[in-house]
N, C-alpha and C. Protein backbone atom coordinates (compact mmCIF):
# COMPACT_ATOMS: atom_id res chain seq x y z
N UNK A 1 9.16 -8.30 11.39
CA UNK A 1 8.52 -7.09 10.86
C UNK A 1 7.09 -7.44 10.43
N UNK A 2 6.14 -6.57 10.75
CA UNK A 2 4.75 -6.78 10.39
C UNK A 2 4.24 -5.59 9.59
N UNK A 3 3.54 -5.89 8.51
CA UNK A 3 2.97 -4.86 7.64
C UNK A 3 1.47 -5.06 7.56
N UNK A 4 0.72 -3.96 7.64
CA UNK A 4 -0.70 -3.99 7.35
C UNK A 4 -0.86 -3.60 5.89
N UNK A 5 -1.48 -4.47 5.11
CA UNK A 5 -1.68 -4.21 3.69
C UNK A 5 -3.13 -3.87 3.43
N UNK A 6 -3.39 -2.61 3.14
CA UNK A 6 -4.74 -2.17 2.82
C UNK A 6 -5.03 -2.38 1.34
N UNK A 7 -6.17 -2.99 1.05
CA UNK A 7 -6.58 -3.23 -0.33
C UNK A 7 -7.88 -2.49 -0.56
N UNK A 8 -7.87 -1.55 -1.50
CA UNK A 8 -9.08 -0.79 -1.78
C UNK A 8 -9.68 -1.22 -3.12
N UNK A 9 -10.85 -0.69 -3.46
CA UNK A 9 -11.68 -1.23 -4.51
C UNK A 9 -11.40 -0.77 -5.91
N UNK A 10 -10.30 -1.23 -6.48
CA UNK A 10 -10.02 -0.96 -7.88
C UNK A 10 -9.74 -2.26 -8.62
N UNK A 11 -9.71 -2.20 -9.94
CA UNK A 11 -9.49 -3.40 -10.74
C UNK A 11 -8.13 -4.01 -10.43
N UNK A 12 -7.19 -3.21 -9.93
CA UNK A 12 -5.85 -3.72 -9.61
C UNK A 12 -5.80 -4.43 -8.27
N UNK A 13 -6.94 -4.58 -7.61
CA UNK A 13 -6.95 -5.21 -6.28
C UNK A 13 -6.35 -6.61 -6.30
N UNK A 14 -6.54 -7.32 -7.41
CA UNK A 14 -6.03 -8.69 -7.48
C UNK A 14 -4.50 -8.73 -7.41
N UNK A 15 -3.85 -7.64 -7.82
CA UNK A 15 -2.39 -7.60 -7.80
C UNK A 15 -1.83 -7.55 -6.39
N UNK A 16 -2.66 -7.17 -5.43
CA UNK A 16 -2.20 -7.11 -4.04
C UNK A 16 -1.85 -8.50 -3.53
N UNK A 17 -2.43 -9.54 -4.12
CA UNK A 17 -2.11 -10.90 -3.70
C UNK A 17 -0.64 -11.21 -3.93
N UNK A 18 -0.10 -10.72 -5.01
CA UNK A 18 1.32 -10.94 -5.30
C UNK A 18 2.20 -10.15 -4.35
N UNK A 19 1.74 -8.97 -3.92
CA UNK A 19 2.49 -8.18 -2.95
C UNK A 19 2.59 -8.94 -1.64
N UNK A 20 1.51 -9.60 -1.24
CA UNK A 20 1.53 -10.43 -0.02
C UNK A 20 2.64 -11.48 -0.14
N UNK A 21 2.68 -12.16 -1.26
CA UNK A 21 3.66 -13.24 -1.43
C UNK A 21 5.09 -12.69 -1.42
N UNK A 22 5.32 -11.58 -2.11
CA UNK A 22 6.66 -11.02 -2.17
C UNK A 22 7.14 -10.55 -0.81
N UNK A 23 6.26 -9.96 -0.03
CA UNK A 23 6.64 -9.52 1.32
C UNK A 23 6.93 -10.72 2.22
N UNK A 24 6.10 -11.74 2.12
CA UNK A 24 6.32 -12.94 2.92
C UNK A 24 7.63 -13.62 2.54
N UNK A 25 7.97 -13.61 1.27
CA UNK A 25 9.24 -14.20 0.82
C UNK A 25 10.43 -13.52 1.48
N UNK A 26 10.24 -12.29 1.91
CA UNK A 26 11.30 -11.52 2.55
C UNK A 26 11.16 -11.52 4.07
N UNK A 27 10.35 -12.44 4.57
CA UNK A 27 10.26 -12.63 6.01
C UNK A 27 9.33 -11.68 6.73
N UNK A 28 8.42 -11.04 6.00
CA UNK A 28 7.52 -10.07 6.60
C UNK A 28 6.16 -10.70 6.86
N UNK A 29 5.64 -10.47 8.04
CA UNK A 29 4.28 -10.90 8.38
C UNK A 29 3.30 -9.87 7.83
N UNK A 30 2.27 -10.33 7.12
CA UNK A 30 1.34 -9.43 6.45
C UNK A 30 -0.08 -9.68 6.94
N UNK A 31 -0.73 -8.60 7.39
CA UNK A 31 -2.16 -8.68 7.71
C UNK A 31 -2.92 -7.78 6.75
N UNK A 32 -3.91 -8.34 6.09
CA UNK A 32 -4.64 -7.62 5.05
C UNK A 32 -5.91 -6.98 5.61
N UNK A 33 -6.13 -5.73 5.22
CA UNK A 33 -7.37 -5.01 5.53
C UNK A 33 -8.03 -4.66 4.20
N UNK A 34 -9.26 -5.09 4.01
CA UNK A 34 -9.96 -4.84 2.76
C UNK A 34 -11.12 -3.86 2.97
N UNK A 35 -11.26 -2.92 2.04
CA UNK A 35 -12.44 -2.07 2.07
C UNK A 35 -13.62 -2.87 1.52
N UNK A 36 -14.81 -2.36 1.72
CA UNK A 36 -16.00 -3.04 1.21
C UNK A 36 -15.95 -3.14 -0.31
N UNK A 37 -15.48 -2.08 -0.96
CA UNK A 37 -15.41 -2.10 -2.43
C UNK A 37 -14.38 -3.12 -2.91
N UNK A 38 -13.28 -3.29 -2.19
CA UNK A 38 -12.25 -4.25 -2.60
C UNK A 38 -12.81 -5.67 -2.66
N UNK A 39 -13.76 -5.95 -1.78
CA UNK A 39 -14.33 -7.30 -1.72
C UNK A 39 -15.22 -7.61 -2.94
N UNK A 40 -15.52 -6.59 -3.73
CA UNK A 40 -16.24 -6.82 -4.98
C UNK A 40 -15.32 -7.35 -6.07
N UNK A 41 -14.01 -7.19 -5.88
CA UNK A 41 -13.03 -7.63 -6.86
C UNK A 41 -12.31 -8.91 -6.44
N UNK A 42 -12.00 -9.03 -5.15
CA UNK A 42 -11.29 -10.20 -4.63
C UNK A 42 -11.94 -10.60 -3.32
N UNK A 43 -12.11 -11.89 -3.10
CA UNK A 43 -12.72 -12.37 -1.86
C UNK A 43 -11.70 -12.38 -0.73
N UNK A 44 -12.11 -12.07 0.49
CA UNK A 44 -11.20 -12.10 1.64
C UNK A 44 -10.50 -13.45 1.82
N UNK A 45 -11.18 -14.54 1.46
CA UNK A 45 -10.60 -15.87 1.63
C UNK A 45 -9.27 -16.00 0.88
N UNK A 46 -9.16 -15.33 -0.25
CA UNK A 46 -7.92 -15.38 -1.02
C UNK A 46 -6.75 -14.87 -0.20
N UNK A 47 -6.93 -13.73 0.43
CA UNK A 47 -5.85 -13.14 1.22
C UNK A 47 -5.62 -13.90 2.53
N UNK A 48 -6.67 -14.46 3.09
CA UNK A 48 -6.52 -15.26 4.30
C UNK A 48 -5.66 -16.49 4.01
N UNK A 49 -5.91 -17.12 2.86
CA UNK A 49 -5.15 -18.32 2.50
C UNK A 49 -3.69 -17.97 2.21
N UNK A 50 -3.45 -16.84 1.57
CA UNK A 50 -2.09 -16.45 1.23
C UNK A 50 -1.29 -15.99 2.44
N UNK A 51 -1.94 -15.21 3.30
CA UNK A 51 -1.22 -14.60 4.42
C UNK A 51 -1.17 -15.46 5.67
N UNK A 52 -2.15 -16.36 5.82
CA UNK A 52 -2.25 -17.13 7.05
C UNK A 52 -2.71 -16.29 8.22
N UNK A 53 -3.23 -15.11 7.94
CA UNK A 53 -3.68 -14.18 8.97
C UNK A 53 -5.16 -13.85 8.77
N UNK A 54 -5.79 -13.39 9.83
CA UNK A 54 -7.16 -12.91 9.73
C UNK A 54 -7.22 -11.72 8.79
N UNK A 55 -8.18 -11.71 7.89
CA UNK A 55 -8.39 -10.57 7.00
C UNK A 55 -9.49 -9.69 7.60
N UNK A 56 -9.17 -8.43 7.80
CA UNK A 56 -10.11 -7.51 8.43
C UNK A 56 -10.93 -6.81 7.35
N UNK A 57 -12.23 -6.92 7.46
CA UNK A 57 -13.12 -6.38 6.42
C UNK A 57 -14.12 -5.35 6.94
N UNK A 58 -14.18 -5.19 8.25
CA UNK A 58 -15.18 -4.28 8.81
C UNK A 58 -14.66 -3.68 10.10
N UNK A 59 -15.06 -2.46 10.38
CA UNK A 59 -14.57 -1.77 11.57
C UNK A 59 -14.98 -2.46 12.86
N UNK A 60 -16.17 -3.07 12.85
CA UNK A 60 -16.66 -3.72 14.07
C UNK A 60 -16.85 -5.22 13.90
N UNK A 61 -16.05 -5.83 13.02
CA UNK A 61 -16.17 -7.26 12.80
C UNK A 61 -17.27 -7.57 11.81
N UNK A 62 -17.39 -8.84 11.44
CA UNK A 62 -18.41 -9.25 10.49
C UNK A 62 -19.74 -9.46 11.19
N UNK A 63 -20.79 -9.58 10.40
CA UNK A 63 -22.13 -9.80 10.97
C UNK A 63 -22.20 -11.11 11.74
N UNK A 64 -21.36 -12.08 11.35
CA UNK A 64 -21.38 -13.38 12.00
C UNK A 64 -20.71 -13.36 13.37
N UNK A 65 -19.92 -12.31 13.63
CA UNK A 65 -19.21 -12.22 14.90
C UNK A 65 -20.03 -11.44 15.92
N UNK A 66 -19.92 -11.87 17.16
CA UNK A 66 -20.58 -11.17 18.26
C UNK A 66 -19.76 -9.94 18.63
N UNK A 67 -20.32 -8.75 18.58
CA UNK A 67 -19.56 -7.55 18.92
C UNK A 67 -19.02 -7.62 20.35
N UNK A 68 -17.78 -7.18 20.53
CA UNK A 68 -17.18 -7.15 21.86
C UNK A 68 -16.15 -6.03 21.91
N UNK A 69 -15.54 -5.86 23.07
CA UNK A 69 -14.60 -4.76 23.26
C UNK A 69 -13.37 -4.92 22.36
N UNK A 70 -12.97 -6.18 22.09
CA UNK A 70 -11.81 -6.40 21.24
C UNK A 70 -12.06 -5.91 19.82
N UNK A 71 -13.24 -6.22 19.26
CA UNK A 71 -13.54 -5.78 17.91
C UNK A 71 -13.71 -4.26 17.85
N UNK A 72 -14.16 -3.67 18.94
CA UNK A 72 -14.40 -2.22 18.96
C UNK A 72 -13.10 -1.43 18.92
N UNK A 73 -12.01 -1.99 19.44
CA UNK A 73 -10.73 -1.27 19.47
C UNK A 73 -9.66 -2.00 18.66
N UNK A 74 -10.06 -2.89 17.78
CA UNK A 74 -9.08 -3.66 17.01
C UNK A 74 -8.19 -2.77 16.16
N UNK A 75 -8.75 -1.66 15.65
CA UNK A 75 -7.93 -0.77 14.83
C UNK A 75 -6.77 -0.18 15.62
N UNK A 76 -6.97 0.01 16.94
CA UNK A 76 -5.90 0.53 17.78
C UNK A 76 -4.83 -0.53 17.99
N UNK A 77 -5.26 -1.76 18.22
CA UNK A 77 -4.32 -2.86 18.43
C UNK A 77 -3.46 -3.08 17.18
N UNK A 78 -4.09 -3.07 16.02
CA UNK A 78 -3.34 -3.25 14.78
C UNK A 78 -2.40 -2.07 14.56
N UNK A 79 -2.89 -0.86 14.82
CA UNK A 79 -2.08 0.34 14.62
C UNK A 79 -0.80 0.30 15.43
N UNK A 80 -0.87 -0.26 16.62
CA UNK A 80 0.29 -0.30 17.50
C UNK A 80 1.23 -1.45 17.21
N UNK A 81 0.77 -2.42 16.41
CA UNK A 81 1.58 -3.63 16.20
C UNK A 81 2.33 -3.64 14.87
N UNK A 82 2.06 -2.69 13.98
CA UNK A 82 2.65 -2.75 12.65
C UNK A 82 3.88 -1.85 12.51
N UNK A 83 4.75 -2.25 11.57
CA UNK A 83 5.93 -1.46 11.24
C UNK A 83 5.71 -0.58 10.03
N UNK A 84 4.65 -0.85 9.27
CA UNK A 84 4.31 -0.02 8.11
C UNK A 84 2.88 -0.32 7.69
N UNK A 85 2.24 0.71 7.14
CA UNK A 85 0.92 0.56 6.52
C UNK A 85 1.10 0.78 5.04
N UNK A 86 0.70 -0.22 4.25
CA UNK A 86 0.87 -0.15 2.80
C UNK A 86 -0.51 -0.30 2.16
N UNK A 87 -0.84 0.56 1.20
CA UNK A 87 -2.13 0.49 0.53
C UNK A 87 -1.92 0.20 -0.95
N UNK A 88 -2.41 -0.95 -1.38
CA UNK A 88 -2.24 -1.42 -2.76
C UNK A 88 -3.53 -2.11 -3.22
N UNK A 89 -4.22 -1.61 -4.20
CA UNK A 89 -4.03 -0.30 -4.82
C UNK A 89 -4.67 0.79 -3.96
N UNK A 90 -4.19 2.00 -4.13
CA UNK A 90 -4.81 3.15 -3.47
C UNK A 90 -5.68 3.87 -4.49
N UNK A 91 -6.98 3.80 -4.32
CA UNK A 91 -7.91 4.45 -5.25
C UNK A 91 -8.00 5.95 -4.96
N UNK A 92 -8.61 6.67 -5.87
CA UNK A 92 -8.82 8.11 -5.67
C UNK A 92 -9.64 8.35 -4.40
N UNK A 93 -10.58 7.45 -4.12
CA UNK A 93 -11.41 7.56 -2.94
C UNK A 93 -10.58 7.47 -1.66
N UNK A 94 -9.70 6.48 -1.60
CA UNK A 94 -8.88 6.30 -0.40
C UNK A 94 -7.86 7.43 -0.25
N UNK A 95 -7.29 7.87 -1.36
CA UNK A 95 -6.38 9.02 -1.29
C UNK A 95 -7.09 10.24 -0.69
N UNK A 96 -8.32 10.48 -1.13
CA UNK A 96 -9.08 11.62 -0.65
C UNK A 96 -9.40 11.48 0.84
N UNK A 97 -9.80 10.28 1.25
CA UNK A 97 -10.14 10.06 2.66
C UNK A 97 -8.92 10.24 3.55
N UNK A 98 -7.79 9.68 3.13
CA UNK A 98 -6.57 9.83 3.93
C UNK A 98 -6.18 11.31 4.02
N UNK A 99 -6.26 12.02 2.91
CA UNK A 99 -5.85 13.42 2.89
C UNK A 99 -6.75 14.29 3.75
N UNK A 100 -8.05 13.97 3.77
CA UNK A 100 -9.02 14.78 4.51
C UNK A 100 -9.27 14.28 5.93
N UNK A 101 -8.66 13.16 6.30
CA UNK A 101 -8.84 12.64 7.65
C UNK A 101 -10.18 12.00 7.89
N UNK A 102 -10.82 11.53 6.82
CA UNK A 102 -12.10 10.83 6.97
C UNK A 102 -11.82 9.43 7.52
N UNK A 103 -12.53 9.03 8.57
CA UNK A 103 -12.32 7.73 9.20
C UNK A 103 -13.66 7.03 9.33
N UNK A 104 -14.09 6.37 8.25
CA UNK A 104 -15.41 5.74 8.26
C UNK A 104 -15.37 4.25 7.98
N UNK A 105 -14.16 3.66 7.98
CA UNK A 105 -14.04 2.21 7.90
C UNK A 105 -12.73 1.81 8.59
N UNK A 106 -12.40 0.53 8.57
CA UNK A 106 -11.22 0.09 9.31
C UNK A 106 -9.93 0.69 8.74
N UNK A 107 -9.79 0.68 7.42
CA UNK A 107 -8.55 1.15 6.82
C UNK A 107 -8.30 2.63 7.10
N UNK A 108 -9.30 3.46 6.89
CA UNK A 108 -9.11 4.89 7.11
C UNK A 108 -8.92 5.22 8.59
N UNK A 109 -9.57 4.45 9.46
CA UNK A 109 -9.38 4.65 10.89
C UNK A 109 -7.98 4.21 11.31
N UNK A 110 -7.51 3.12 10.74
CA UNK A 110 -6.16 2.64 11.02
C UNK A 110 -5.12 3.68 10.62
N UNK A 111 -5.34 4.32 9.48
CA UNK A 111 -4.39 5.34 9.02
C UNK A 111 -4.23 6.45 10.05
N UNK A 112 -5.32 6.89 10.63
CA UNK A 112 -5.25 7.96 11.63
C UNK A 112 -4.67 7.47 12.96
N UNK A 113 -4.84 6.18 13.24
CA UNK A 113 -4.44 5.65 14.55
C UNK A 113 -2.98 5.23 14.61
N UNK A 114 -2.37 4.95 13.45
CA UNK A 114 -1.00 4.45 13.49
C UNK A 114 0.03 5.56 13.36
N UNK A 115 1.18 5.33 13.96
CA UNK A 115 2.32 6.24 13.78
C UNK A 115 3.38 5.61 12.89
N UNK A 116 3.08 4.44 12.34
CA UNK A 116 4.02 3.74 11.46
C UNK A 116 4.09 4.46 10.11
N UNK A 117 5.19 4.26 9.37
CA UNK A 117 5.29 4.84 8.03
C UNK A 117 4.16 4.33 7.13
N UNK A 118 3.75 5.17 6.19
CA UNK A 118 2.65 4.82 5.29
C UNK A 118 3.14 4.89 3.85
N UNK A 119 2.84 3.83 3.09
CA UNK A 119 3.18 3.76 1.67
C UNK A 119 1.89 3.54 0.89
N UNK A 120 1.69 4.31 -0.16
CA UNK A 120 0.49 4.16 -0.99
C UNK A 120 0.89 4.02 -2.45
N UNK A 121 0.29 3.02 -3.10
CA UNK A 121 0.53 2.79 -4.53
C UNK A 121 -0.76 3.05 -5.28
N UNK A 122 -0.94 4.24 -5.82
CA UNK A 122 -2.20 4.59 -6.48
C UNK A 122 -2.40 3.83 -7.80
N UNK A 123 -3.67 3.60 -8.13
CA UNK A 123 -4.04 3.03 -9.43
C UNK A 123 -5.45 3.51 -9.75
N UNK A 124 -5.60 4.10 -10.92
CA UNK A 124 -6.92 4.64 -11.29
C UNK A 124 -6.92 5.07 -12.75
N UNK A 125 -8.05 5.50 -13.23
CA UNK A 125 -8.21 6.06 -14.57
C UNK A 125 -7.32 7.29 -14.74
N UNK A 126 -6.80 7.50 -15.94
CA UNK A 126 -5.87 8.60 -16.18
C UNK A 126 -6.49 9.95 -15.85
N UNK A 127 -7.76 10.15 -16.20
CA UNK A 127 -8.39 11.44 -15.90
C UNK A 127 -8.57 11.65 -14.40
N UNK A 128 -8.87 10.57 -13.69
CA UNK A 128 -8.97 10.66 -12.23
C UNK A 128 -7.61 10.99 -11.62
N UNK A 129 -6.56 10.38 -12.16
CA UNK A 129 -5.21 10.66 -11.65
C UNK A 129 -4.81 12.11 -11.91
N UNK A 130 -5.13 12.61 -13.09
CA UNK A 130 -4.73 13.97 -13.44
C UNK A 130 -5.62 15.05 -12.85
N UNK A 131 -6.77 14.67 -12.29
CA UNK A 131 -7.70 15.67 -11.77
C UNK A 131 -7.04 16.50 -10.67
N UNK A 132 -7.38 17.77 -10.67
CA UNK A 132 -6.80 18.70 -9.70
C UNK A 132 -7.04 18.25 -8.26
N UNK A 133 -8.22 17.69 -7.98
CA UNK A 133 -8.52 17.26 -6.62
C UNK A 133 -7.59 16.12 -6.19
N UNK A 134 -7.36 15.16 -7.09
CA UNK A 134 -6.46 14.05 -6.77
C UNK A 134 -5.04 14.54 -6.56
N UNK A 135 -4.58 15.41 -7.43
CA UNK A 135 -3.22 15.93 -7.30
C UNK A 135 -3.05 16.75 -6.02
N UNK A 136 -4.10 17.46 -5.64
CA UNK A 136 -4.06 18.21 -4.38
C UNK A 136 -3.97 17.26 -3.18
N UNK A 137 -4.74 16.17 -3.24
CA UNK A 137 -4.69 15.19 -2.16
C UNK A 137 -3.31 14.54 -2.07
N UNK A 138 -2.72 14.24 -3.22
CA UNK A 138 -1.38 13.66 -3.24
C UNK A 138 -0.37 14.60 -2.63
N UNK A 139 -0.49 15.87 -2.95
CA UNK A 139 0.41 16.88 -2.39
C UNK A 139 0.29 16.94 -0.87
N UNK A 140 -0.95 16.90 -0.39
CA UNK A 140 -1.18 16.92 1.06
C UNK A 140 -0.55 15.70 1.73
N UNK A 141 -0.75 14.54 1.14
CA UNK A 141 -0.21 13.31 1.73
C UNK A 141 1.31 13.31 1.71
N UNK A 142 1.91 13.74 0.63
CA UNK A 142 3.37 13.80 0.57
C UNK A 142 3.92 14.74 1.63
N UNK A 143 3.25 15.87 1.83
CA UNK A 143 3.68 16.83 2.84
C UNK A 143 3.63 16.23 4.24
N UNK A 144 2.75 15.26 4.44
CA UNK A 144 2.64 14.60 5.74
C UNK A 144 3.57 13.40 5.88
N UNK A 145 4.36 13.15 4.86
CA UNK A 145 5.34 12.08 4.95
C UNK A 145 4.90 10.76 4.37
N UNK A 146 3.71 10.72 3.75
CA UNK A 146 3.26 9.49 3.11
C UNK A 146 4.08 9.27 1.84
N UNK A 147 4.55 8.05 1.66
CA UNK A 147 5.35 7.72 0.48
C UNK A 147 4.43 7.23 -0.64
N UNK A 148 4.45 7.93 -1.74
CA UNK A 148 3.62 7.60 -2.89
C UNK A 148 4.48 6.88 -3.93
N UNK A 149 4.09 5.66 -4.26
CA UNK A 149 4.77 4.93 -5.32
C UNK A 149 4.06 5.28 -6.62
N UNK A 150 4.70 6.07 -7.44
CA UNK A 150 4.06 6.64 -8.62
C UNK A 150 3.52 5.55 -9.54
N UNK A 151 2.33 5.75 -10.09
CA UNK A 151 1.78 4.77 -11.03
C UNK A 151 2.53 4.78 -12.35
N UNK A 152 2.41 3.68 -13.07
CA UNK A 152 3.05 3.60 -14.37
C UNK A 152 2.20 4.26 -15.45
N UNK A 153 2.80 4.40 -16.61
CA UNK A 153 2.14 5.03 -17.76
C UNK A 153 1.94 3.96 -18.83
N UNK A 154 0.71 3.82 -19.30
CA UNK A 154 0.46 2.82 -20.34
C UNK A 154 -1.01 2.57 -20.54
N UNK A 155 -1.31 1.41 -21.10
CA UNK A 155 -2.70 1.04 -21.38
C UNK A 155 -3.39 0.68 -20.07
N UNK A 156 -4.58 1.23 -19.85
CA UNK A 156 -5.31 1.01 -18.61
C UNK A 156 -6.50 0.10 -18.85
N UNK A 157 -7.01 -0.49 -17.77
CA UNK A 157 -8.13 -1.43 -17.88
C UNK A 157 -9.37 -0.77 -18.48
N UNK A 158 -9.50 0.54 -18.30
CA UNK A 158 -10.67 1.25 -18.82
C UNK A 158 -10.59 1.48 -20.33
N UNK A 159 -9.44 1.14 -20.93
CA UNK A 159 -9.27 1.31 -22.35
C UNK A 159 -8.51 2.57 -22.74
N UNK A 160 -8.23 3.44 -21.76
CA UNK A 160 -7.49 4.65 -22.03
C UNK A 160 -6.00 4.40 -21.83
N UNK A 161 -5.19 5.36 -22.28
CA UNK A 161 -3.74 5.25 -22.15
C UNK A 161 -3.21 6.47 -21.42
N UNK A 162 -2.28 6.23 -20.49
CA UNK A 162 -1.70 7.32 -19.73
C UNK A 162 -1.31 6.87 -18.34
N UNK A 163 -0.96 7.79 -17.45
CA UNK A 163 -0.58 7.42 -16.09
C UNK A 163 -1.79 6.92 -15.30
N UNK A 164 -1.56 5.96 -14.44
CA UNK A 164 -2.64 5.41 -13.63
C UNK A 164 -2.51 3.92 -13.36
N UNK A 165 -1.60 3.26 -14.08
CA UNK A 165 -1.37 1.83 -13.85
C UNK A 165 -0.64 1.62 -12.54
N UNK A 166 -1.03 0.59 -11.80
CA UNK A 166 -0.34 0.27 -10.55
C UNK A 166 1.14 0.07 -10.83
N UNK A 167 1.98 0.62 -9.95
CA UNK A 167 3.43 0.47 -10.10
C UNK A 167 3.82 -1.00 -10.09
N UNK A 168 5.02 -1.28 -10.59
CA UNK A 168 5.53 -2.64 -10.59
C UNK A 168 5.67 -3.16 -9.17
N UNK A 169 5.44 -4.46 -9.00
CA UNK A 169 5.49 -5.06 -7.67
C UNK A 169 6.80 -4.78 -6.95
N UNK A 170 7.91 -4.88 -7.68
CA UNK A 170 9.22 -4.70 -7.05
C UNK A 170 9.41 -3.28 -6.53
N UNK A 171 8.86 -2.32 -7.25
CA UNK A 171 8.97 -0.93 -6.80
C UNK A 171 8.18 -0.71 -5.51
N UNK A 172 7.03 -1.36 -5.41
CA UNK A 172 6.21 -1.23 -4.20
C UNK A 172 6.92 -1.87 -3.01
N UNK A 173 7.46 -3.07 -3.21
CA UNK A 173 8.16 -3.77 -2.13
C UNK A 173 9.38 -2.96 -1.69
N UNK A 174 10.13 -2.43 -2.65
CA UNK A 174 11.30 -1.62 -2.31
C UNK A 174 10.91 -0.40 -1.50
N UNK A 175 9.78 0.21 -1.83
CA UNK A 175 9.31 1.38 -1.09
C UNK A 175 8.94 1.02 0.34
N UNK A 176 8.42 -0.19 0.55
CA UNK A 176 8.09 -0.64 1.91
C UNK A 176 9.36 -0.69 2.75
N UNK A 177 10.42 -1.27 2.20
CA UNK A 177 11.67 -1.34 2.95
C UNK A 177 12.26 0.04 3.16
N UNK A 178 12.15 0.90 2.16
CA UNK A 178 12.66 2.25 2.30
C UNK A 178 11.95 3.03 3.37
N UNK A 179 10.64 2.81 3.52
CA UNK A 179 9.86 3.55 4.51
C UNK A 179 10.15 3.08 5.91
N UNK A 180 10.41 1.78 6.08
CA UNK A 180 10.59 1.22 7.41
C UNK A 180 12.02 1.32 7.90
N UNK A 181 12.96 1.49 6.97
CA UNK A 181 14.36 1.52 7.36
C UNK A 181 14.91 0.17 7.73
N UNK A 182 14.14 -0.89 7.49
CA UNK A 182 14.58 -2.24 7.82
C UNK A 182 15.43 -2.82 6.69
N UNK A 183 16.30 -3.79 7.07
CA UNK A 183 17.09 -4.50 6.06
C UNK A 183 16.19 -5.56 5.44
N UNK A 184 16.10 -5.63 4.12
CA UNK A 184 15.26 -6.63 3.47
C UNK A 184 15.70 -8.05 3.79
N UNK A 185 14.76 -8.96 3.69
CA UNK A 185 15.04 -10.36 3.92
C UNK A 185 15.54 -11.01 2.65
N UNK A 186 15.48 -12.34 2.56
CA UNK A 186 15.97 -13.05 1.38
C UNK A 186 15.32 -12.50 0.11
N UNK A 187 16.17 -12.33 -0.92
CA UNK A 187 15.65 -11.83 -2.18
C UNK A 187 15.71 -10.32 -2.31
N UNK A 188 16.29 -9.64 -1.29
CA UNK A 188 16.27 -8.18 -1.36
C UNK A 188 17.10 -7.64 -2.52
N UNK A 189 18.09 -8.42 -2.97
CA UNK A 189 18.91 -7.95 -4.08
C UNK A 189 18.08 -7.75 -5.34
N UNK A 190 17.03 -8.54 -5.51
CA UNK A 190 16.15 -8.36 -6.66
C UNK A 190 15.53 -6.97 -6.64
N UNK A 191 15.14 -6.51 -5.43
CA UNK A 191 14.55 -5.19 -5.31
C UNK A 191 15.58 -4.11 -5.64
N UNK A 192 16.82 -4.34 -5.19
CA UNK A 192 17.87 -3.35 -5.42
C UNK A 192 18.16 -3.25 -6.92
N UNK A 193 18.27 -4.42 -7.59
CA UNK A 193 18.54 -4.42 -9.02
C UNK A 193 17.43 -3.71 -9.78
N UNK A 194 16.18 -3.94 -9.35
CA UNK A 194 15.06 -3.26 -10.01
C UNK A 194 15.16 -1.76 -9.78
N UNK A 195 15.58 -1.38 -8.60
CA UNK A 195 15.69 0.04 -8.27
C UNK A 195 16.70 0.73 -9.18
N UNK A 196 17.83 0.06 -9.43
CA UNK A 196 18.82 0.62 -10.35
C UNK A 196 18.22 0.78 -11.74
N UNK A 197 17.52 -0.25 -12.21
CA UNK A 197 16.92 -0.19 -13.54
C UNK A 197 15.88 0.92 -13.60
N UNK A 198 15.10 1.04 -12.53
CA UNK A 198 14.06 2.06 -12.47
C UNK A 198 14.69 3.45 -12.52
N UNK A 199 15.77 3.62 -11.75
CA UNK A 199 16.43 4.92 -11.69
C UNK A 199 17.03 5.28 -13.05
N UNK A 200 17.66 4.28 -13.71
CA UNK A 200 18.28 4.54 -15.00
C UNK A 200 17.27 4.92 -16.06
N UNK A 201 16.08 4.34 -15.97
CA UNK A 201 15.06 4.59 -16.98
C UNK A 201 14.28 5.87 -16.71
N UNK A 202 14.03 6.14 -15.44
CA UNK A 202 13.14 7.25 -15.08
C UNK A 202 13.84 8.40 -14.36
N UNK A 203 15.13 8.24 -14.09
CA UNK A 203 15.89 9.26 -13.37
C UNK A 203 15.31 9.57 -11.99
N UNK A 204 14.66 8.59 -11.42
CA UNK A 204 14.14 8.74 -10.06
C UNK A 204 14.05 7.36 -9.46
N UNK A 205 13.87 7.32 -8.16
CA UNK A 205 13.87 6.02 -7.49
C UNK A 205 12.61 5.89 -6.65
N UNK A 206 11.97 4.70 -6.65
CA UNK A 206 10.78 4.52 -5.84
C UNK A 206 11.07 4.50 -4.36
N UNK A 207 12.35 4.32 -3.99
CA UNK A 207 12.73 4.33 -2.58
C UNK A 207 13.33 5.68 -2.28
N UNK A 208 12.64 6.49 -1.47
CA UNK A 208 13.07 7.87 -1.27
C UNK A 208 13.84 8.08 0.03
N UNK A 209 14.00 7.04 0.85
CA UNK A 209 14.73 7.17 2.09
C UNK A 209 16.23 7.22 1.76
N UNK A 210 16.87 8.38 1.92
CA UNK A 210 18.24 8.55 1.46
C UNK A 210 19.23 7.68 2.23
N UNK A 211 19.03 7.51 3.54
CA UNK A 211 19.94 6.67 4.31
C UNK A 211 19.87 5.23 3.85
N UNK A 212 18.65 4.76 3.50
CA UNK A 212 18.47 3.41 2.99
C UNK A 212 19.17 3.28 1.63
N UNK A 213 19.04 4.31 0.81
CA UNK A 213 19.69 4.29 -0.49
C UNK A 213 21.20 4.18 -0.34
N UNK A 214 21.78 4.98 0.58
CA UNK A 214 23.22 4.95 0.76
C UNK A 214 23.70 3.60 1.29
N UNK A 215 22.94 3.06 2.24
CA UNK A 215 23.33 1.79 2.86
C UNK A 215 23.38 0.67 1.84
N UNK A 216 22.43 0.65 0.91
CA UNK A 216 22.32 -0.47 -0.02
C UNK A 216 22.72 -0.11 -1.45
N UNK A 217 23.30 1.09 -1.61
CA UNK A 217 23.79 1.44 -2.93
C UNK A 217 22.70 1.72 -3.95
N UNK A 218 21.58 2.25 -3.49
CA UNK A 218 20.45 2.49 -4.38
C UNK A 218 20.60 3.84 -5.09
N UNK A 219 20.21 3.87 -6.33
CA UNK A 219 19.97 5.11 -7.05
C UNK A 219 21.14 6.07 -6.96
N UNK A 220 22.11 5.86 -7.82
CA UNK A 220 23.34 6.65 -7.80
C UNK A 220 23.04 8.14 -7.74
N UNK A 221 23.80 8.82 -6.91
CA UNK A 221 23.64 10.26 -6.79
C UNK A 221 22.66 10.64 -5.75
């Protein structure tokens, strides 16, 4: 199984490194795509070292690379090779671009080009999360089948308190498996146990695929 992990430019970008490790622990190949803003928070070399894969940072390759036909259509090749597209963190900007069909970098172009399931884990300031425009974009994406891993509620990096914290790593990983319909690799029971705890506390489950829930005993009812 191969996952494309999109990393966008929020303070939670560093947490995506742990998502890479958790997915790899379960036997998943991960290729990271970083937006330009994400590179202001974490260097591509970090993800290259963790994933063992090329990190894609530009639609037409880097300035050091000679442009060619492969770099010009790389988003199509990646789109056809992945089993899921996961965005961690998903900023308000990326949510808006996905909802409106804006394709002005590799990540947004990949979203339009792939037919694989899409999972997004938003993280942002509480006011940005609650804004009518963001909520409208979320509604549009959900209607199109995008799986949104709801952010947590608590103290935020900006100093405010409320919804907007990146969801727990286990909830994001569980949502990836739920979206793909694949059986998790080693360690999947940890995700299941977290799902039960999450359901008991919040009366909802981050994995919304009902057949997957039934198969693995997720989220009673």
